[in-house]
């Protein structure tokens, strides 16, 4: 029986990292620092953009609340949900925030690819936030990476934060570790949305000060596994991934939520080489037609997990405006 059968996800990663650590140590041995700077092109922002990538709705809730708060402060605000094939044009804005879930201890690959293609952000105020499940790993560095990606394009860093909720990683509960997730069944709660409001307000306050913030990454052991390394380790546990044509209703939800175009619905086929293991198809299929196994056991999606445990996600209160 594979060693990974006896380990939870974090334990498996830590074991693998002990083996690989000496080779990968240079990747996380230092911290990058963003220093305060000026250079905002306007004294006050007028046009703001809230960019977000969301699979199960958590990041979208936070993004839309930020947009509402900024609009209430008199800004013209656009929201932009990242989808497959979107153009990387975010010109014409004075203030931008980008939000994403943490995937494999890092910025989701499709978000990183999109961010690398945007043009100059010279003089634009930029900020970032992430959503993460349970105790979480890598949330600070993921938010920092988003922020640094925009600073590298000329943006002025105004803030970053991380907002917690339940994990939406299907293998966790499907493999008998539901208790780890249910510890956070109350998240997001009112305190979470207060934190979002505080973040949104602080970004505006920082803009009015006319200067950026100082931010730095946090080197650590779990940094060994970020991105493709973690994804590759997880791929070793993955078994079959097929579409049950008897359950599939051809609604196209999985195609619309797949960030890399790995699903051919007409042929009922998954391009395993292209798949980035985001589990968006499993988490969003309304009929459970995406059949996937991890370590030989079938997994099921987040909506089914909520249903089985009688959980309803708290929506942002309207009075948070």
Protein backbone atom coordinates (compact mmCIF):
# COMPACT_ATOMS: atom_id res chain seq x y z
CA UNK A 1 0.00 0.00 0.00
CA UNK A 2 1.45 3.45 -0.87
CA UNK A 3 2.99 5.35 2.02
CA UNK A 4 0.75 8.31 1.23
CA UNK A 5 -2.29 6.21 2.23
CA UNK A 6 -1.21 6.57 5.85
CA UNK A 7 -0.68 10.31 5.67
CA UNK A 8 -2.98 13.26 5.52
CA UNK A 9 -2.25 15.87 2.87
CA UNK A 10 0.02 18.02 5.01
CA UNK A 11 1.81 14.98 6.40
CA UNK A 12 2.42 13.64 2.92
CA UNK A 13 3.85 16.95 1.79
CA UNK A 14 6.07 17.24 4.85
CA UNK A 15 7.40 13.72 4.37
CA UNK A 16 8.16 14.40 0.71
CA UNK A 17 9.76 17.72 1.60
CA UNK A 18 12.14 16.08 4.05
CA UNK A 19 13.36 13.94 1.19
CA UNK A 20 13.59 16.81 -1.31
CA UNK A 21 14.54 19.65 1.01
CA UNK A 22 18.25 19.78 0.32
CA UNK A 23 17.56 20.21 -3.39
CA UNK A 24 14.88 22.85 -3.02
CA UNK A 25 16.27 24.87 -0.11
CA UNK A 26 17.47 27.82 -2.24
CA UNK A 27 13.87 28.47 -3.36
CA UNK A 28 12.74 29.61 0.08
CA UNK A 29 15.88 30.64 1.90
CA UNK A 30 15.27 34.37 1.64
CA UNK A 31 12.44 36.87 1.99
CA UNK A 32 11.53 39.37 -0.66
CA UNK A 33 10.67 42.83 0.61
CA UNK A 34 8.44 45.48 -0.97
CA UNK A 35 9.45 48.91 0.32
CA UNK A 36 7.13 51.90 0.75
CA UNK A 37 7.10 54.23 -2.22
CA UNK A 38 5.13 57.07 -3.72
CA UNK A 39 4.24 57.67 -7.31
CA UNK A 40 0.44 57.38 -7.32
CA UNK A 41 -0.78 59.17 -10.42
CA UNK A 42 -3.84 60.69 -8.74
CA UNK A 43 -4.34 62.25 -5.31
CA UNK A 44 -7.60 60.35 -4.94
CA UNK A 45 -8.79 57.28 -6.86
CA UNK A 46 -11.80 57.61 -9.12
CA UNK A 47 -12.03 54.34 -11.05
CA UNK A 48 -11.43 51.04 -9.26
CA UNK A 49 -11.32 47.43 -10.40
CA UNK A 50 -11.92 44.31 -8.31
CA UNK A 51 -10.46 41.28 -10.10
CA UNK A 52 -11.12 37.84 -8.66
CA UNK A 53 -10.91 34.15 -9.42
CA UNK A 54 -13.41 31.98 -7.56
CA UNK A 55 -14.40 28.32 -7.83
CA UNK A 56 -16.83 27.70 -4.95
CA UNK A 57 -17.90 31.26 -4.10
CA UNK A 58 -15.77 32.26 -1.11
CA UNK A 59 -13.42 34.58 -2.99
CA UNK A 60 -16.32 36.02 -4.93
CA UNK A 61 -18.14 36.95 -1.70
CA UNK A 62 -15.13 38.86 -0.44
CA UNK A 63 -14.54 40.53 -3.80
CA UNK A 64 -18.12 41.74 -4.15
CA UNK A 65 -18.14 43.08 -0.61
CA UNK A 66 -14.97 45.07 -1.30
CA UNK A 67 -16.54 46.43 -4.49
CA UNK A 68 -19.66 47.49 -2.55
CA UNK A 69 -17.65 49.24 0.12
CA UNK A 70 -15.56 51.12 -2.43
CA UNK A 71 -18.64 52.12 -4.40
CA UNK A 72 -20.22 53.39 -1.19
CA UNK A 73 -17.14 55.63 -0.79
CA UNK A 74 -17.87 57.27 -4.14
CA UNK A 75 -15.62 55.29 -6.50
CA UNK A 76 -16.72 53.95 -9.86
CA UNK A 77 -16.09 50.24 -9.40
CA UNK A 78 -16.00 47.40 -11.91
CA UNK A 79 -15.80 43.73 -10.93
CA UNK A 80 -14.08 41.25 -13.18
CA UNK A 81 -14.21 37.49 -12.69
CA UNK A 82 -11.29 35.70 -14.27
CA UNK A 83 -12.30 32.99 -16.74
CA UNK A 84 -10.56 30.91 -19.36
CA UNK A 85 -9.39 32.97 -22.32
CA UNK A 86 -9.88 36.38 -20.70
CA UNK A 87 -7.77 39.20 -22.10
CA UNK A 88 -5.22 40.68 -19.72
CA UNK A 89 -6.24 44.33 -20.19
CA UNK A 90 -6.87 46.27 -16.98
CA UNK A 91 -5.82 49.72 -18.19
CA UNK A 92 -7.62 52.89 -17.19
CA UNK A 93 -7.98 52.18 -13.45
CA UNK A 94 -6.53 54.15 -10.55
CA UNK A 95 -7.01 51.41 -7.95
CA UNK A 96 -6.94 47.62 -8.40
CA UNK A 97 -7.36 44.70 -6.03
CA UNK A 98 -6.88 41.08 -7.06
CA UNK A 99 -8.30 38.20 -5.02
CA UNK A 100 -7.88 34.45 -5.38
CA UNK A 101 -8.05 31.25 -3.37
CA UNK A 102 -4.81 29.65 -2.27
CA UNK A 103 -4.16 26.59 -4.43
CA UNK A 104 -1.24 24.31 -3.69
CA UNK A 105 0.25 26.89 -1.33
CA UNK A 106 0.44 29.43 -4.13
CA UNK A 107 -1.35 31.65 -6.62
CA UNK A 108 -3.45 29.44 -8.94
CA UNK A 109 -1.51 28.79 -12.11
CA UNK A 110 -4.11 30.36 -14.38
CA UNK A 111 -4.16 33.54 -12.27
CA UNK A 112 -0.37 33.77 -12.34
CA UNK A 113 -0.37 33.33 -16.11
CA UNK A 114 -3.01 36.06 -16.50
CA UNK A 115 -1.16 38.43 -14.18
CA UNK A 116 2.07 38.00 -16.12
CA UNK A 117 0.37 39.27 -19.29
CA UNK A 118 -1.06 42.54 -18.00
CA UNK A 119 0.51 45.78 -19.11
CA UNK A 120 2.03 48.62 -17.12
CA UNK A 121 0.46 49.59 -13.80
CA UNK A 122 2.68 52.63 -13.33
CA UNK A 123 1.12 54.93 -10.72
CA UNK A 124 -1.82 52.60 -9.99
CA UNK A 125 -2.63 51.70 -6.39
CA UNK A 126 -2.66 47.91 -6.05
CA UNK A 127 -3.67 45.48 -3.33
CA UNK A 128 -4.36 41.77 -2.96
CA UNK A 129 -6.28 39.28 -0.88
CA UNK A 130 -6.65 35.52 -0.72
CA UNK A 131 -9.20 33.09 0.63
CA UNK A 132 -7.98 29.94 2.34
CA UNK A 133 -9.52 26.89 3.94
CA UNK A 134 -9.27 25.82 7.56
CA UNK A 135 -5.94 26.52 9.24
CA UNK A 136 -4.43 27.10 5.84
CA UNK A 137 -0.90 27.03 4.50
CA UNK A 138 0.79 29.59 2.29
CA UNK A 139 -1.87 32.28 2.57
CA UNK A 140 0.52 35.12 3.45
CA UNK A 141 2.98 34.29 0.69
CA UNK A 142 0.21 33.81 -1.86
CA UNK A 143 -1.21 37.26 -1.11
CA UNK A 144 2.33 38.64 -1.25
CA UNK A 145 2.99 37.00 -4.64
CA UNK A 146 -0.16 38.60 -6.08
CA UNK A 147 0.89 41.98 -4.72
CA UNK A 148 4.49 41.62 -5.90
CA UNK A 149 3.31 40.66 -9.37
CA UNK A 150 1.51 43.99 -9.66
CA UNK A 151 4.35 45.98 -8.06
CA UNK A 152 6.66 44.51 -10.68
CA UNK A 153 4.42 46.15 -13.28
CA UNK A 154 4.81 49.56 -11.61
CA UNK A 155 1.93 49.42 -9.13
CA UNK A 156 2.11 51.04 -5.68
CA UNK A 157 1.40 48.46 -2.95
CA UNK A 158 -1.43 49.59 -0.67
CA UNK A 159 -2.43 46.44 1.20
CA UNK A 160 -2.79 42.67 1.38
CA UNK A 161 -4.84 40.31 3.53
CA UNK A 162 -6.11 36.73 3.88
CA UNK A 163 -9.66 35.68 4.74
CA UNK A 164 -10.42 32.24 6.14
CA UNK A 165 -13.28 29.86 5.41
CA UNK A 166 -13.87 26.11 5.17
CA UNK A 167 -11.56 24.17 2.92
CA UNK A 168 -13.01 23.26 -0.45
CA UNK A 169 -10.42 20.57 -1.23
CA UNK A 170 -12.55 17.45 -1.92
CA UNK A 171 -9.98 14.73 -1.10
CA UNK A 172 -9.83 16.00 2.50
CA UNK A 173 -13.38 15.15 3.52
CA UNK A 174 -13.79 12.35 1.01
CA UNK A 175 -10.83 10.50 2.56
CA UNK A 176 -12.30 10.51 6.07
CA UNK A 177 -10.91 13.80 7.36
CA UNK A 178 -14.21 15.71 7.42
CA UNK A 179 -13.67 16.65 11.07
CA UNK A 180 -10.71 18.82 10.05
CA UNK A 181 -13.00 20.82 7.77
CA UNK A 182 -16.01 20.97 10.08
CA UNK A 183 -13.93 22.75 12.74
CA UNK A 184 -14.34 25.77 10.46
CA UNK A 185 -17.97 25.25 9.46
CA UNK A 186 -18.83 28.67 10.92
CA UNK A 187 -16.47 30.42 8.47
CA UNK A 188 -16.92 32.89 6.94
CA UNK A 189 -18.68 34.53 9.87
CA UNK A 190 -19.50 38.12 10.78
CA UNK A 191 -15.96 38.67 12.02
CA UNK A 192 -14.63 37.58 8.62
CA UNK A 193 -16.72 40.18 6.85
CA UNK A 194 -15.64 42.84 9.35
CA UNK A 195 -12.06 41.93 8.43
CA UNK A 196 -12.90 42.35 4.73
CA UNK A 197 -14.42 45.74 5.43
CA UNK A 198 -11.38 46.82 7.44
CA UNK A 199 -9.10 45.75 4.59
CA UNK A 200 -11.13 47.60 1.95
CA UNK A 201 -11.19 50.77 4.05
CA UNK A 202 -7.49 50.58 4.91
CA UNK A 203 -6.55 50.38 1.22
CA UNK A 204 -8.44 53.62 0.56
CA UNK A 205 -6.84 55.26 3.59
CA UNK A 206 -3.40 54.21 2.40
CA UNK A 207 -4.10 55.65 -1.04
CA UNK A 208 -5.00 59.00 0.49
CA UNK A 209 -1.67 59.00 2.35
CA UNK A 210 -0.05 58.94 -1.09
CA UNK A 211 2.45 56.18 -0.40
CA UNK A 212 2.74 52.43 -0.45
CA UNK A 213 3.19 49.96 2.38
CA UNK A 214 6.10 47.73 3.31
CA UNK A 215 5.45 44.03 2.78
CA UNK A 216 7.63 40.94 2.85
CA UNK A 217 7.31 37.26 2.13
CA UNK A 218 7.74 34.68 4.89
CA UNK A 219 10.27 31.95 4.09
CA UNK A 220 9.34 28.60 5.61
CA UNK A 221 9.38 24.86 5.27
CA UNK A 222 6.02 24.64 3.50
CA UNK A 223 7.41 26.93 0.84
CA UNK A 224 9.11 23.85 -0.51
CA UNK A 225 5.83 22.68 -1.99
CA UNK A 226 4.31 25.74 -3.60
CA UNK A 227 2.75 25.53 -7.03
CA UNK A 228 3.80 22.80 -9.40
CA UNK A 229 5.73 20.87 -6.75
CA UNK A 230 2.66 20.44 -4.55
CA UNK A 231 0.47 19.79 -7.57
CA UNK A 232 2.83 17.07 -8.83
CA UNK A 233 2.85 15.36 -5.44
CA UNK A 234 -0.95 15.46 -5.35
CA UNK A 235 -1.12 14.08 -8.87
CA UNK A 236 0.59 10.89 -7.67
CA UNK A 237 -2.47 10.15 -5.53
CA UNK A 238 -4.97 10.76 -8.33
CA UNK A 239 -6.67 7.81 -10.00
CA UNK A 240 -9.32 7.90 -12.69
CA UNK A 241 -11.14 11.06 -13.72
CA UNK A 242 -14.06 10.49 -16.04
CA UNK A 243 -17.41 12.01 -16.90
CA UNK A 244 -20.41 9.79 -16.15
CA UNK A 245 -22.48 10.28 -19.30
CA UNK A 246 -25.58 8.92 -17.55
CA UNK A 247 -25.43 11.65 -14.92
CA UNK A 248 -24.16 14.46 -17.14
CA UNK A 249 -26.93 16.87 -18.23
CA UNK A 250 -24.65 18.81 -20.65
CA UNK A 251 -25.16 22.05 -18.71
CA UNK A 252 -21.58 23.16 -19.39
CA UNK A 253 -20.90 24.27 -15.82
CA UNK A 254 -17.65 22.31 -15.66
CA UNK A 255 -16.45 23.74 -18.97
CA UNK A 256 -17.21 27.29 -17.82
CA UNK A 257 -15.42 26.85 -14.50
CA UNK A 258 -12.37 24.95 -15.76
CA UNK A 259 -9.58 27.56 -15.83
CA UNK A 260 -7.42 25.73 -18.36
CA UNK A 261 -9.88 24.26 -20.88
CA UNK A 262 -9.18 20.65 -19.92
CA UNK A 263 -12.75 19.40 -20.42
CA UNK A 264 -14.21 18.21 -23.72
CA UNK A 265 -17.87 17.80 -22.87
CA UNK A 266 -18.92 16.57 -26.31
CA UNK A 267 -16.45 13.69 -26.10
CA UNK A 268 -16.89 13.32 -22.32
CA UNK A 269 -13.12 13.44 -21.94
CA UNK A 270 -10.63 15.10 -19.58
CA UNK A 271 -7.23 16.25 -20.79
CA UNK A 272 -5.19 14.99 -17.82
CA UNK A 273 -2.01 16.68 -19.03
CA UNK A 274 -3.68 20.09 -19.07
CA UNK A 275 -5.62 19.65 -15.81
CA UNK A 276 -4.18 21.64 -12.88
CA UNK A 277 -6.09 19.72 -10.18
CA UNK A 278 -8.18 22.67 -9.02
CA UNK A 279 -11.18 20.33 -8.54
CA UNK A 280 -13.48 23.03 -9.89
CA UNK A 281 -15.31 20.48 -12.05
CA UNK A 282 -15.99 18.18 -9.08
CA UNK A 283 -16.96 21.11 -6.86
CA UNK A 284 -19.35 22.70 -9.35
CA UNK A 285 -21.02 19.85 -11.26
CA UNK A 286 -24.71 19.94 -10.20
CA UNK A 287 -25.24 16.21 -10.77
CA UNK A 288 -21.94 14.72 -9.59
CA UNK A 289 -21.12 13.55 -13.09
CA UNK A 290 -17.38 14.09 -12.65
CA UNK A 291 -16.11 10.81 -11.23
CA UNK A 292 -12.67 11.10 -9.68
CA UNK A 293 -10.70 8.88 -7.32
CA UNK A 294 -7.82 9.71 -4.99
CA UNK A 295 -5.82 6.83 -3.56
CA UNK A 296 -8.45 4.56 -5.04
CA UNK A 297 -11.39 6.18 -3.23
CA UNK A 298 -14.12 8.25 -4.91
CA UNK A 299 -14.34 11.92 -3.96
CA UNK A 300 -17.32 14.24 -4.00
CA UNK A 301 -17.74 17.99 -4.31
CA UNK A 302 -18.18 20.89 -1.91
CA UNK A 303 -21.95 21.39 -2.46
CA UNK A 304 -22.55 17.75 -1.54
CA UNK A 305 -20.33 18.15 1.52
CA UNK A 306 -22.40 21.16 2.62
CA UNK A 307 -25.62 19.24 2.03
CA UNK A 308 -24.52 16.16 3.98
CA UNK A 309 -23.55 18.31 6.94
CA UNK A 310 -26.46 20.76 6.85
CA UNK A 311 -24.25 23.78 6.31
CA UNK A 312 -25.31 27.07 4.73
CA UNK A 313 -22.61 29.63 3.97
CA UNK A 314 -23.19 33.03 5.56
CA UNK A 315 -23.49 35.75 2.92
CA UNK A 316 -21.99 39.22 3.45
CA UNK A 317 -24.46 41.41 5.37
CA UNK A 318 -25.87 44.25 3.32
CA UNK A 319 -25.37 46.65 6.21
CA UNK A 320 -21.61 46.27 5.75
CA UNK A 321 -21.86 49.10 3.22
